[in-house]
Amino acid sequence: MELVYIIGAGAIGKVLSVCLSNDGKKVVLLRGSVDNGESHKENIRVMLPSQEIIEAGVTIDTLSNYRSLKGLIVLCNKSYGNAALADALKDKIGCSPVVLLQNNEGIFDHQ
């Protein structure tokens, strides 16, 4: 099973990680602004717009604990972190697909 790496452990990253986990995907939620942390599993509960509460046990980790990321990479971080994150990811992602889920200004200001 291919891994899904979600970078950004805010509201969007957490909801996405729970939904994908409940759909049978193997998910790792990577902290976008915190590094050098320890890997741990956390039970995350979220309320959907329908008022339904869903939950899943999700692995939460930091980027520095990975030499490479082989799988789908989903960026849910704040756009002001894009330059630093691009530097951190450039030698780790190889040919892995990257999906941007950002709605902040300046998303494409960084090269």
PDB file of N, CA and C in Angstrom:
ATOM      1  N   MET A   1       0.848  -1.180   0.000  1.00  0.00           N
ATOM      2  CA  MET A   1       0.000   0.000   0.000  1.00  0.00           C
ATOM      3  C   MET A   1       0.893   1.244   0.000  1.00  0.00           C
ATOM      4  N   GLU A   2       0.586   2.162  -0.883  1.00  0.00           N
ATOM      5  CA  GLU A   2       1.352   3.398  -0.979  1.00  0.00           C
ATOM      6  C   GLU A   2       1.018   4.315   0.185  1.00  0.00           C
ATOM      7  N   LEU A   3       2.032   4.955   0.711  1.00  0.00           N
ATOM      8  CA  LEU A   3       1.855   5.914   1.798  1.00  0.00           C
ATOM      9  C   LEU A   3       1.357   7.252   1.276  1.00  0.00           C
ATOM     10  N   VAL A   4       0.595   7.922   2.099  1.00  0.00           N
ATOM     11  CA  VAL A   4       0.213   9.300   1.845  1.00  0.00           C
ATOM     12  C   VAL A   4       0.851  10.125   2.947  1.00  0.00           C
ATOM     13  N   TYR A   5       1.726  11.033   2.570  1.00  0.00           N
ATOM     14  CA  TYR A   5       2.363  11.938   3.523  1.00  0.00           C
ATOM     15  C   TYR A   5       1.617  13.268   3.466  1.00  0.00           C
ATOM     16  N   ILE A   6       1.039  13.667   4.566  1.00  0.00           N
ATOM     17  CA  ILE A   6       0.349  14.952   4.645  1.00  0.00           C
ATOM     18  C   ILE A   6       1.238  15.883   5.450  1.00  0.00           C
ATOM     19  N   ILE A   7       1.681  16.955   4.819  1.00  0.00           N
ATOM     20  CA  ILE A   7       2.556  17.902   5.504  1.00  0.00           C
ATOM     21  C   ILE A   7       1.729  19.105   5.919  1.00  0.00           C
ATOM     22  N   GLY A   8       1.669  19.309   7.221  1.00  0.00           N
ATOM     23  CA  GLY A   8       0.863  20.373   7.809  1.00  0.00           C
ATOM     24  C   GLY A   8      -0.178  19.741   8.725  1.00  0.00           C
ATOM     25  N   ALA A   9       0.027  19.870  10.020  1.00  0.00           N
ATOM     26  CA  ALA A   9      -0.844  19.213  11.001  1.00  0.00           C
ATOM     27  C   ALA A   9      -1.883  20.167  11.575  1.00  0.00           C
ATOM     28  N   GLY A  10      -2.335  21.098  10.735  1.00  0.00           N
ATOM     29  CA  GLY A  10      -3.396  22.007  11.145  1.00  0.00           C
ATOM     30  C   GLY A  10      -4.758  21.391  10.871  1.00  0.00           C
ATOM     31  N   ALA A  11      -5.765  22.224  10.816  1.00  0.00           N
ATOM     32  CA  ALA A  11      -7.146  21.746  10.658  1.00  0.00           C
ATOM     33  C   ALA A  11      -7.330  20.922   9.388  1.00  0.00           C
ATOM     34  N   ILE A  12      -6.841  21.399   8.260  1.00  0.00           N
ATOM     35  CA  ILE A  12      -7.019  20.681   7.000  1.00  0.00           C
ATOM     36  C   ILE A  12      -6.235  19.371   6.998  1.00  0.00           C
ATOM     37  N   GLY A  13      -4.989  19.408   7.423  1.00  0.00           N
ATOM     38  CA  GLY A  13      -4.168  18.209   7.466  1.00  0.00           C
ATOM     39  C   GLY A  13      -4.751  17.132   8.365  1.00  0.00           C
ATOM     40  N   LYS A  14      -5.277  17.535   9.509  1.00  0.00           N
ATOM     41  CA  LYS A  14      -5.862  16.555  10.430  1.00  0.00           C
ATOM     42  C   LYS A  14      -7.132  15.932   9.870  1.00  0.00           C
ATOM     43  N   VAL A  15      -8.012  16.758   9.315  1.00  0.00           N
ATOM     44  CA  VAL A  15      -9.253  16.216   8.739  1.00  0.00           C
ATOM     45  C   VAL A  15      -8.929  15.276   7.586  1.00  0.00           C
ATOM     46  N   LEU A  16      -8.029  15.681   6.715  1.00  0.00           N
ATOM     47  CA  LEU A  16      -7.653  14.851   5.577  1.00  0.00           C
ATOM     48  C   LEU A  16      -7.039  13.530   6.044  1.00  0.00           C
ATOM     49  N   SER A  17      -6.185  13.583   7.071  1.00  0.00           N
ATOM     50  CA  SER A  17      -5.550  12.356   7.558  1.00  0.00           C
ATOM     51  C   SER A  17      -6.575  11.383   8.135  1.00  0.00           C
ATOM     52  N   VAL A  18      -7.569  11.888   8.839  1.00  0.00           N
ATOM     53  CA  VAL A  18      -8.618  11.021   9.399  1.00  0.00           C
ATOM     54  C   VAL A  18      -9.462  10.423   8.271  1.00  0.00           C
ATOM     55  N   CYS A  19      -9.874  11.252   7.325  1.00  0.00           N
ATOM     56  CA  CYS A  19     -10.708  10.758   6.210  1.00  0.00           C
ATOM     57  C   CYS A  19      -9.977   9.699   5.396  1.00  0.00           C
ATOM     58  N   LEU A  20      -8.714   9.944   5.063  1.00  0.00           N
ATOM     59  CA  LEU A  20      -7.959   8.974   4.272  1.00  0.00           C
ATOM     60  C   LEU A  20      -7.682   7.695   5.056  1.00  0.00           C
ATOM     61  N   SER A  21      -7.389   7.831   6.353  1.00  0.00           N
ATOM     62  CA  SER A  21      -7.176   6.648   7.191  1.00  0.00           C
ATOM     63  C   SER A  21      -8.430   5.797   7.254  1.00  0.00           C
ATOM     64  N   ASN A  22      -9.568   6.446   7.403  1.00  0.00           N
ATOM     65  CA  ASN A  22     -10.831   5.714   7.452  1.00  0.00           C
ATOM     66  C   ASN A  22     -11.194   5.089   6.108  1.00  0.00           C
ATOM     67  N   ASP A  23     -10.561   5.568   5.042  1.00  0.00           N
ATOM     68  CA  ASP A  23     -10.774   4.998   3.716  1.00  0.00           C
ATOM     69  C   ASP A  23      -9.769   3.884   3.416  1.00  0.00           C
ATOM     70  N   GLY A  24      -8.979   3.508   4.418  1.00  0.00           N
ATOM     71  CA  GLY A  24      -8.034   2.400   4.263  1.00  0.00           C
ATOM     72  C   GLY A  24      -6.653   2.775   3.777  1.00  0.00           C
ATOM     73  N   LYS A  25      -6.357   4.063   3.673  1.00  0.00           N
ATOM     74  CA  LYS A  25      -5.034   4.503   3.227  1.00  0.00           C
ATOM     75  C   LYS A  25      -4.077   4.545   4.423  1.00  0.00           C
ATOM     76  N   LYS A  26      -2.810   4.289   4.153  1.00  0.00           N
ATOM     77  CA  LYS A  26      -1.780   4.428   5.183  1.00  0.00           C
ATOM     78  C   LYS A  26      -1.286   5.869   5.142  1.00  0.00           C
ATOM     79  N   VAL A  27      -1.466   6.595   6.248  1.00  0.00           N
ATOM     80  CA  VAL A  27      -1.206   8.028   6.292  1.00  0.00           C
ATOM     81  C   VAL A  27      -0.170   8.352   7.359  1.00  0.00           C
ATOM     82  N   VAL A  28       0.733   9.261   7.021  1.00  0.00           N
ATOM     83  CA  VAL A  28       1.649   9.846   7.992  1.00  0.00           C
ATOM     84  C   VAL A  28       1.430  11.351   7.941  1.00  0.00           C
ATOM     85  N   LEU A  29       1.119  11.933   9.082  1.00  0.00           N
ATOM     86  CA  LEU A  29       0.910  13.379   9.199  1.00  0.00           C
ATOM     87  C   LEU A  29       2.220  13.995   9.674  1.00  0.00           C
ATOM     88  N   LEU A  30       2.844  14.794   8.806  1.00  0.00           N
ATOM     89  CA  LEU A  30       4.128  15.411   9.130  1.00  0.00           C
ATOM     90  C   LEU A  30       3.929  16.855   9.542  1.00  0.00           C
ATOM     91  N   ARG A  31       4.517  17.218  10.667  1.00  0.00           N
ATOM     92  CA  ARG A  31       4.430  18.598  11.141  1.00  0.00           C
ATOM     93  C   ARG A  31       5.195  19.491  10.179  1.00  0.00           C
ATOM     94  N   GLY A  32       4.564  20.554   9.711  1.00  0.00           N
ATOM     95  CA  GLY A  32       5.199  21.441   8.745  1.00  0.00           C
ATOM     96  C   GLY A  32       6.111  22.472   9.368  1.00  0.00           C
ATOM     97  N   SER A  33       5.800  22.918  10.577  1.00  0.00           N
ATOM     98  CA  SER A  33       6.582  23.994  11.193  1.00  0.00           C
ATOM     99  C   SER A  33       7.429  23.514  12.364  1.00  0.00           C
ATOM    100  N   VAL A  34       7.316  22.260  12.726  1.00  0.00           N
ATOM    101  CA  VAL A  34       8.085  21.706  13.842  1.00  0.00           C
ATOM    102  C   VAL A  34       8.927  20.570  13.288  1.00  0.00           C
ATOM    103  N   ASP A  35      10.192  20.511  13.694  1.00  0.00           N
ATOM    104  CA  ASP A  35      11.038  19.439  13.216  1.00  0.00           C
ATOM    105  C   ASP A  35      11.788  18.818  14.388  1.00  0.00           C
ATOM    106  N   ASN A  36      12.417  17.697  14.122  1.00  0.00           N
ATOM    107  CA  ASN A  36      13.194  16.956  15.110  1.00  0.00           C
ATOM    108  C   ASN A  36      12.348  16.426  16.258  1.00  0.00           C
ATOM    109  N   GLY A  37      11.113  16.098  15.990  1.00  0.00           N
ATOM    110  CA  GLY A  37      10.249  15.520  17.013  1.00  0.00           C
ATOM    111  C   GLY A  37      10.234  14.013  16.919  1.00  0.00           C
ATOM    112  N   GLU A  38       9.588  13.399  17.880  1.00  0.00           N
ATOM    113  CA  GLU A  38       9.470  11.948  17.893  1.00  0.00           C
ATOM    114  C   GLU A  38       8.172  11.516  17.235  1.00  0.00           C
ATOM    115  N   SER A  39       8.245  10.381  16.581  1.00  0.00           N
ATOM    116  CA  SER A  39       7.063   9.803  15.956  1.00  0.00           C
ATOM    117  C   SER A  39       6.134   9.257  17.036  1.00  0.00           C
ATOM    118  N   HIS A  40       4.848   9.494  16.860  1.00  0.00           N
ATOM    119  CA  HIS A  40       3.872   8.931  17.789  1.00  0.00           C
ATOM    120  C   HIS A  40       2.536   8.767  17.074  1.00  0.00           C
ATOM    121  N   LYS A  41       1.705   7.927  17.621  1.00  0.00           N
ATOM    122  CA  LYS A  41       0.376   7.713  17.064  1.00  0.00           C
ATOM    123  C   LYS A  41      -0.607   8.484  17.940  1.00  0.00           C
ATOM    124  N   GLU A  42      -1.523   9.174  17.284  1.00  0.00           N
ATOM    125  CA  GLU A  42      -2.492   9.993  18.011  1.00  0.00           C
ATOM    126  C   GLU A  42      -3.888   9.699  17.467  1.00  0.00           C
ATOM    127  N   ASN A  43      -4.849   9.587  18.363  1.00  0.00           N
ATOM    128  CA  ASN A  43      -6.233   9.427  17.943  1.00  0.00           C
ATOM    129  C   ASN A  43      -6.801  10.819  17.690  1.00  0.00           C
ATOM    130  N   ILE A  44      -7.167  11.077  16.445  1.00  0.00           N
ATOM    131  CA  ILE A  44      -7.675  12.396  16.061  1.00  0.00           C
ATOM    132  C   ILE A  44      -9.163  12.279  15.789  1.00  0.00           C
ATOM    133  N   ARG A  45      -9.936  13.179  16.398  1.00  0.00           N
ATOM    134  CA  ARG A  45     -11.385  13.230  16.195  1.00  0.00           C
ATOM    135  C   ARG A  45     -11.723  14.542  15.517  1.00  0.00           C
ATOM    136  N   VAL A  46     -12.573  14.466  14.496  1.00  0.00           N
ATOM    137  CA  VAL A  46     -13.003  15.676  13.794  1.00  0.00           C
ATOM    138  C   VAL A  46     -14.515  15.631  13.587  1.00  0.00           C
ATOM    139  N   MET A  47     -15.109  16.812  13.559  1.00  0.00           N
ATOM    140  CA  MET A  47     -16.540  16.908  13.291  1.00  0.00           C
ATOM    141  C   MET A  47     -16.739  17.393  11.867  1.00  0.00           C
ATOM    142  N   LEU A  48     -17.497  16.630  11.101  1.00  0.00           N
ATOM    143  CA  LEU A  48     -17.805  16.995   9.730  1.00  0.00           C
ATOM    144  C   LEU A  48     -18.926  18.030   9.695  1.00  0.00           C
ATOM    145  N   PRO A  49     -19.116  18.722   8.567  1.00  0.00           N
ATOM    146  CA  PRO A  49     -20.205  19.699   8.470  1.00  0.00           C
ATOM    147  C   PRO A  49     -21.577  19.096   8.785  1.00  0.00           C
ATOM    148  N   SER A  50     -21.713  17.796   8.588  1.00  0.00           N
ATOM    149  CA  SER A  50     -22.988  17.120   8.887  1.00  0.00           C
ATOM    150  C   SER A  50     -23.166  16.878  10.390  1.00  0.00           C
ATOM    151  N   GLN A  51     -22.200  17.304  11.180  1.00  0.00           N
ATOM    152  CA  GLN A  51     -22.163  17.112  12.634  1.00  0.00           C
ATOM    153  C   GLN A  51     -21.732  15.702  13.037  1.00  0.00           C
ATOM    154  N   GLU A  52     -21.434  14.857  12.050  1.00  0.00           N
ATOM    155  CA  GLU A  52     -20.924  13.512  12.343  1.00  0.00           C
ATOM    156  C   GLU A  52     -19.489  13.634  12.840  1.00  0.00           C
ATOM    157  N   ILE A  53     -19.152  12.874  13.881  1.00  0.00           N
ATOM    158  CA  ILE A  53     -17.783  12.847  14.388  1.00  0.00           C
ATOM    159  C   ILE A  53     -17.110  11.584  13.870  1.00  0.00           C
ATOM    160  N   ILE A  54     -15.947  11.780  13.254  1.00  0.00           N
ATOM    161  CA  ILE A  54     -15.156  10.644  12.793  1.00  0.00           C
ATOM    162  C   ILE A  54     -13.798  10.705  13.477  1.00  0.00           C
ATOM    163  N   GLU A  55     -13.150   9.562  13.587  1.00  0.00           N
ATOM    164  CA  GLU A  55     -11.841   9.542  14.226  1.00  0.00           C
ATOM    165  C   GLU A  55     -10.995   8.421  13.656  1.00  0.00           C
ATOM    166  N   ALA A  56      -9.681   8.562  13.847  1.00  0.00           N
ATOM    167  CA  ALA A  56      -8.736   7.546  13.394  1.00  0.00           C
ATOM    168  C   ALA A  56      -7.431   7.726  14.153  1.00  0.00           C
ATOM    169  N   GLY A  57      -6.717   6.634  14.313  1.00  0.00           N
ATOM    170  CA  GLY A  57      -5.366   6.694  14.850  1.00  0.00           C
ATOM    171  C   GLY A  57      -4.412   7.032  13.724  1.00  0.00           C
ATOM    172  N   VAL A  58      -3.681   8.129  13.875  1.00  0.00           N
ATOM    173  CA  VAL A  58      -2.814   8.625  12.806  1.00  0.00           C
ATOM    174  C   VAL A  58      -1.388   8.768  13.341  1.00  0.00           C
ATOM    175  N   THR A  59      -0.414   8.334  12.545  1.00  0.00           N
ATOM    176  CA  THR A  59       0.987   8.536  12.900  1.00  0.00           C
ATOM    177  C   THR A  59       1.354   9.989  12.637  1.00  0.00           C
ATOM    178  N   ILE A  60       1.900  10.641  13.653  1.00  0.00           N
ATOM    179  CA  ILE A  60       2.360  12.028  13.531  1.00  0.00           C
ATOM    180  C   ILE A  60       3.872  12.028  13.694  1.00  0.00           C
ATOM    181  N   ASP A  61       4.550  12.711  12.796  1.00  0.00           N
ATOM    182  CA  ASP A  61       6.005  12.662  12.780  1.00  0.00           C
ATOM    183  C   ASP A  61       6.547  13.996  12.286  1.00  0.00           C
ATOM    184  N   THR A  62       7.864  14.079  12.159  1.00  0.00           N
ATOM    185  CA  THR A  62       8.498  15.274  11.610  1.00  0.00           C
ATOM    186  C   THR A  62       9.333  14.886  10.396  1.00  0.00           C
ATOM    187  N   LEU A  63       9.529  15.825   9.518  1.00  0.00           N
ATOM    188  CA  LEU A  63      10.198  15.585   8.242  1.00  0.00           C
ATOM    189  C   LEU A  63      11.629  15.087   8.404  1.00  0.00           C
ATOM    190  N   SER A  64      12.340  15.554   9.420  1.00  0.00           N
ATOM    191  CA  SER A  64      13.745  15.165   9.581  1.00  0.00           C
ATOM    192  C   SER A  64      13.908  13.681   9.904  1.00  0.00           C
ATOM    193  N   ASN A  65      12.854  13.007  10.288  1.00  0.00           N
ATOM    194  CA  ASN A  65      12.929  11.571  10.578  1.00  0.00           C
ATOM    195  C   ASN A  65      12.877  10.715   9.316  1.00  0.00           C
ATOM    196  N   TYR A  66      12.799  11.333   8.133  1.00  0.00           N
ATOM    197  CA  TYR A  66      12.693  10.604   6.868  1.00  0.00           C
ATOM    198  C   TYR A  66      13.801  11.014   5.919  1.00  0.00           C
ATOM    199  N   ARG A  67      14.514  10.019   5.377  1.00  0.00           N
ATOM    200  CA  ARG A  67      15.527  10.293   4.346  1.00  0.00           C
ATOM    201  C   ARG A  67      14.857  10.534   3.002  1.00  0.00           C
ATOM    202  N   SER A  68      13.760   9.795   2.770  1.00  0.00           N
ATOM    203  CA  SER A  68      13.032   9.959   1.515  1.00  0.00           C
ATOM    204  C   SER A  68      11.544   9.745   1.778  1.00  0.00           C
ATOM    205  N   LEU A  69      10.738  10.331   0.908  1.00  0.00           N
ATOM    206  CA  LEU A  69       9.289  10.190   0.981  1.00  0.00           C
ATOM    207  C   LEU A  69       8.838   9.533  -0.314  1.00  0.00           C
ATOM    208  N   LYS A  70       8.430   8.281  -0.226  1.00  0.00           N
ATOM    209  CA  LYS A  70       7.972   7.544  -1.405  1.00  0.00           C
ATOM    210  C   LYS A  70       6.492   7.299  -1.237  1.00  0.00           C
ATOM    211  N   GLY A  71       5.705   8.029  -1.991  1.00  0.00           N
ATOM    212  CA  GLY A  71       4.263   7.960  -1.912  1.00  0.00           C
ATOM    213  C   GLY A  71       3.692   9.291  -2.367  1.00  0.00           C
ATOM    214  N   LEU A  72       2.443   9.493  -2.085  1.00  0.00           N
ATOM    215  CA  LEU A  72       1.782  10.753  -2.421  1.00  0.00           C
ATOM    216  C   LEU A  72       2.081  11.773  -1.332  1.00  0.00           C
ATOM    217  N   ILE A  73       2.501  12.965  -1.730  1.00  0.00           N
ATOM    218  CA  ILE A  73       2.829  14.024  -0.779  1.00  0.00           C
ATOM    219  C   ILE A  73       1.798  15.128  -0.938  1.00  0.00           C
ATOM    220  N   VAL A  74       1.102  15.451   0.147  1.00  0.00           N
ATOM    221  CA  VAL A  74       0.056  16.470   0.121  1.00  0.00           C
ATOM    222  C   VAL A  74       0.490  17.612   1.039  1.00  0.00           C
ATOM    223  N   LEU A  75       0.626  18.800   0.469  1.00  0.00           N
ATOM    224  CA  LEU A  75       1.050  19.967   1.248  1.00  0.00           C
ATOM    225  C   LEU A  75      -0.175  20.720   1.751  1.00  0.00           C
ATOM    226  N   CYS A  76      -0.352  20.717   3.061  1.00  0.00           N
ATOM    227  CA  CYS A  76      -1.450  21.446   3.713  1.00  0.00           C
ATOM    228  C   CYS A  76      -0.889  22.513   4.645  1.00  0.00           C
ATOM    229  N   ASN A  77       0.352  22.859   4.446  1.00  0.00           N
ATOM    230  CA  ASN A  77       1.013  23.845   5.296  1.00  0.00           C
ATOM    231  C   ASN A  77       0.625  25.264   4.886  1.00  0.00           C
ATOM    232  N   LYS A  78       0.952  26.216   5.724  1.00  0.00           N
ATOM    233  CA  LYS A  78       0.745  27.632   5.383  1.00  0.00           C
ATOM    234  C   LYS A  78       1.740  28.017   4.286  1.00  0.00           C
ATOM    235  N   SER A  79       1.306  28.840   3.371  1.00  0.00           N
ATOM    236  CA  SER A  79       2.146  29.159   2.212  1.00  0.00           C
ATOM    237  C   SER A  79       3.420  29.902   2.589  1.00  0.00           C
ATOM    238  N   TYR A  80       3.441  30.623   3.707  1.00  0.00           N
ATOM    239  CA  TYR A  80       4.668  31.345   4.073  1.00  0.00           C
ATOM    240  C   TYR A  80       5.810  30.387   4.401  1.00  0.00           C
ATOM    241  N   GLY A  81       5.520  29.114   4.583  1.00  0.00           N
ATOM    242  CA  GLY A  81       6.560  28.125   4.831  1.00  0.00           C
ATOM    243  C   GLY A  81       7.050  27.422   3.581  1.00  0.00           C
ATOM    244  N   ASN A  82       6.544  27.826   2.412  1.00  0.00           N
ATOM    245  CA  ASN A  82       6.865  27.110   1.177  1.00  0.00           C
ATOM    246  C   ASN A  82       8.352  27.095   0.835  1.00  0.00           C
ATOM    247  N   ALA A  83       9.039  28.210   1.004  1.00  0.00           N
ATOM    248  CA  ALA A  83      10.459  28.260   0.618  1.00  0.00           C
ATOM    249  C   ALA A  83      11.279  27.293   1.465  1.00  0.00           C
ATOM    250  N   ALA A  84      11.102  27.325   2.765  1.00  0.00           N
ATOM    251  CA  ALA A  84      11.842  26.424   3.648  1.00  0.00           C
ATOM    252  C   ALA A  84      11.445  24.975   3.409  1.00  0.00           C
ATOM    253  N   LEU A  85      10.172  24.741   3.187  1.00  0.00           N
ATOM    254  CA  LEU A  85       9.697  23.381   2.948  1.00  0.00           C
ATOM    255  C   LEU A  85      10.224  22.843   1.616  1.00  0.00           C
ATOM    256  N   ALA A  86      10.274  23.695   0.599  1.00  0.00           N
ATOM    257  CA  ALA A  86      10.824  23.280  -0.692  1.00  0.00           C
ATOM    258  C   ALA A  86      12.279  22.848  -0.538  1.00  0.00           C
ATOM    259  N   ASP A  87      13.045  23.592   0.244  1.00  0.00           N
ATOM    260  CA  ASP A  87      14.440  23.223   0.491  1.00  0.00           C
ATOM    261  C   ASP A  87      14.537  21.885   1.220  1.00  0.00           C
ATOM    262  N   ALA A  88      13.669  21.686   2.199  1.00  0.00           N
ATOM    263  CA  ALA A  88      13.693  20.451   2.983  1.00  0.00           C
ATOM    264  C   ALA A  88      13.255  19.240   2.164  1.00  0.00           C
ATOM    265  N   LEU A  89      12.379  19.458   1.191  1.00  0.00           N
ATOM    266  CA  LEU A  89      11.832  18.349   0.411  1.00  0.00           C
ATOM    267  C   LEU A  89      12.637  17.990  -0.836  1.00  0.00           C
ATOM    268  N   LYS A  90      13.428  18.921  -1.358  1.00  0.00           N
ATOM    269  CA  LYS A  90      14.026  18.739  -2.682  1.00  0.00           C
ATOM    270  C   LYS A  90      14.838  17.454  -2.836  1.00  0.00           C
ATOM    271  N   ASP A  91      15.500  16.990  -1.796  1.00  0.00           N
ATOM    272  CA  ASP A  91      16.289  15.767  -1.894  1.00  0.00           C
ATOM    273  C   ASP A  91      15.554  14.550  -1.342  1.00  0.00           C
ATOM    274  N   LYS A  92      14.298  14.727  -0.924  1.00  0.00           N
ATOM    275  CA  LYS A  92      13.556  13.638  -0.292  1.00  0.00           C
ATOM    276  C   LYS A  92      12.449  13.054  -1.152  1.00  0.00           C
ATOM    277  N   ILE A  93      11.948  13.812  -2.136  1.00  0.00           N
ATOM    278  CA  ILE A  93      10.723  13.357  -2.803  1.00  0.00           C
ATOM    279  C   ILE A  93      10.948  12.582  -4.090  1.00  0.00           C
ATOM    280  N   GLY A  94      12.104  12.676  -4.707  1.00  0.00           N
ATOM    281  CA  GLY A  94      12.352  11.921  -5.942  1.00  0.00           C
ATOM    282  C   GLY A  94      11.262  12.180  -6.968  1.00  0.00           C
ATOM    283  N   CYS A  95      10.578  11.118  -7.400  1.00  0.00           N
ATOM    284  CA  CYS A  95       9.515  11.217  -8.405  1.00  0.00           C
ATOM    285  C   CYS A  95       8.124  11.159  -7.790  1.00  0.00           C
ATOM    286  N   SER A  96       8.036  11.297  -6.483  1.00  0.00           N
ATOM    287  CA  SER A  96       6.724  11.228  -5.828  1.00  0.00           C
ATOM    288  C   SER A  96       5.849  12.396  -6.250  1.00  0.00           C
ATOM    289  N   PRO A  97       4.568  12.141  -6.491  1.00  0.00           N
ATOM    290  CA  PRO A  97       3.663  13.242  -6.844  1.00  0.00           C
ATOM    291  C   PRO A  97       3.407  14.145  -5.640  1.00  0.00           C
ATOM    292  N   VAL A  98       3.227  15.434  -5.916  1.00  0.00           N
ATOM    293  CA  VAL A  98       2.971  16.427  -4.868  1.00  0.00           C
ATOM    294  C   VAL A  98       1.656  17.129  -5.179  1.00  0.00           C
ATOM    295  N   VAL A  99       0.808  17.240  -4.163  1.00  0.00           N
ATOM    296  CA  VAL A  99      -0.471  17.934  -4.291  1.00  0.00           C
ATOM    297  C   VAL A  99      -0.439  19.144  -3.356  1.00  0.00           C
ATOM    298  N   LEU A 100      -0.790  20.327  -3.887  1.00  0.00           N
ATOM    299  CA  LEU A 100      -0.847  21.541  -3.067  1.00  0.00           C
ATOM    300  C   LEU A 100      -2.288  21.810  -2.659  1.00  0.00           C
ATOM    301  N   LEU A 101      -2.543  21.870  -1.362  1.00  0.00           N
ATOM    302  CA  LEU A 101      -3.858  22.250  -0.845  1.00  0.00           C
ATOM    303  C   LEU A 101      -3.665  23.500   0.009  1.00  0.00           C
ATOM    304  N   GLN A 102      -3.462  24.618  -0.650  1.00  0.00           N
ATOM    305  CA  GLN A 102      -3.204  25.863   0.057  1.00  0.00           C
ATOM    306  C   GLN A 102      -4.104  26.951  -0.502  1.00  0.00           C
ATOM    307  N   ASN A 103      -4.564  27.822   0.372  1.00  0.00           N
ATOM    308  CA  ASN A 103      -5.392  28.920  -0.096  1.00  0.00           C
ATOM    309  C   ASN A 103      -4.873  30.268   0.385  1.00  0.00           C
ATOM    310  N   ASN A 104      -3.629  30.311   0.815  1.00  0.00           N
ATOM    311  CA  ASN A 104      -3.053  31.562   1.290  1.00  0.00           C
ATOM    312  C   ASN A 104      -2.477  32.361   0.130  1.00  0.00           C
ATOM    313  N   GLU A 105      -2.286  33.650   0.347  1.00  0.00           N
ATOM    314  CA  GLU A 105      -1.621  34.470  -0.654  1.00  0.00           C
ATOM    315  C   GLU A 105      -0.170  34.042  -0.782  1.00  0.00           C
ATOM    316  N   GLY A 106       0.380  34.216  -1.939  1.00  0.00           N
ATOM    317  CA  GLY A 106       1.797  33.966  -2.143  1.00  0.00           C
ATOM    318  C   GLY A 106       2.157  32.513  -2.373  1.00  0.00           C
ATOM    319  N   ILE A 107       1.194  31.695  -2.731  1.00  0.00           N
ATOM    320  CA  ILE A 107       1.465  30.265  -2.907  1.00  0.00           C
ATOM    321  C   ILE A 107       2.562  30.042  -3.951  1.00  0.00           C
ATOM    322  N   PHE A 108       2.496  30.754  -5.054  1.00  0.00           N
ATOM    323  CA  PHE A 108       3.428  30.510  -6.140  1.00  0.00           C
ATOM    324  C   PHE A 108       4.524  31.575  -6.214  1.00  0.00           C
ATOM    325  N   ASP A 109       4.774  32.279  -5.117  1.00  0.00           N
ATOM    326  CA  ASP A 109       5.813  33.298  -5.108  1.00  0.00           C
ATOM    327  C   ASP A 109       7.205  32.712  -4.926  1.00  0.00           C
ATOM    328  N   HIS A 110       7.311  31.446  -4.543  1.00  0.00           N
ATOM    329  CA  HIS A 110       8.609  30.838  -4.244  1.00  0.00           C
ATOM    330  C   HIS A 110       9.013  29.907  -5.372  1.00  0.00           C
ATOM    331  N   GLN A 111      10.295  29.885  -5.680  1.00  0.00           N
ATOM    332  CA  GLN A 111      10.777  29.022  -6.766  1.00  0.00           C
ATOM    333  C   GLN A 111      11.627  27.924  -6.205  1.00  0.00           C
TER     334      GLN A 111
END
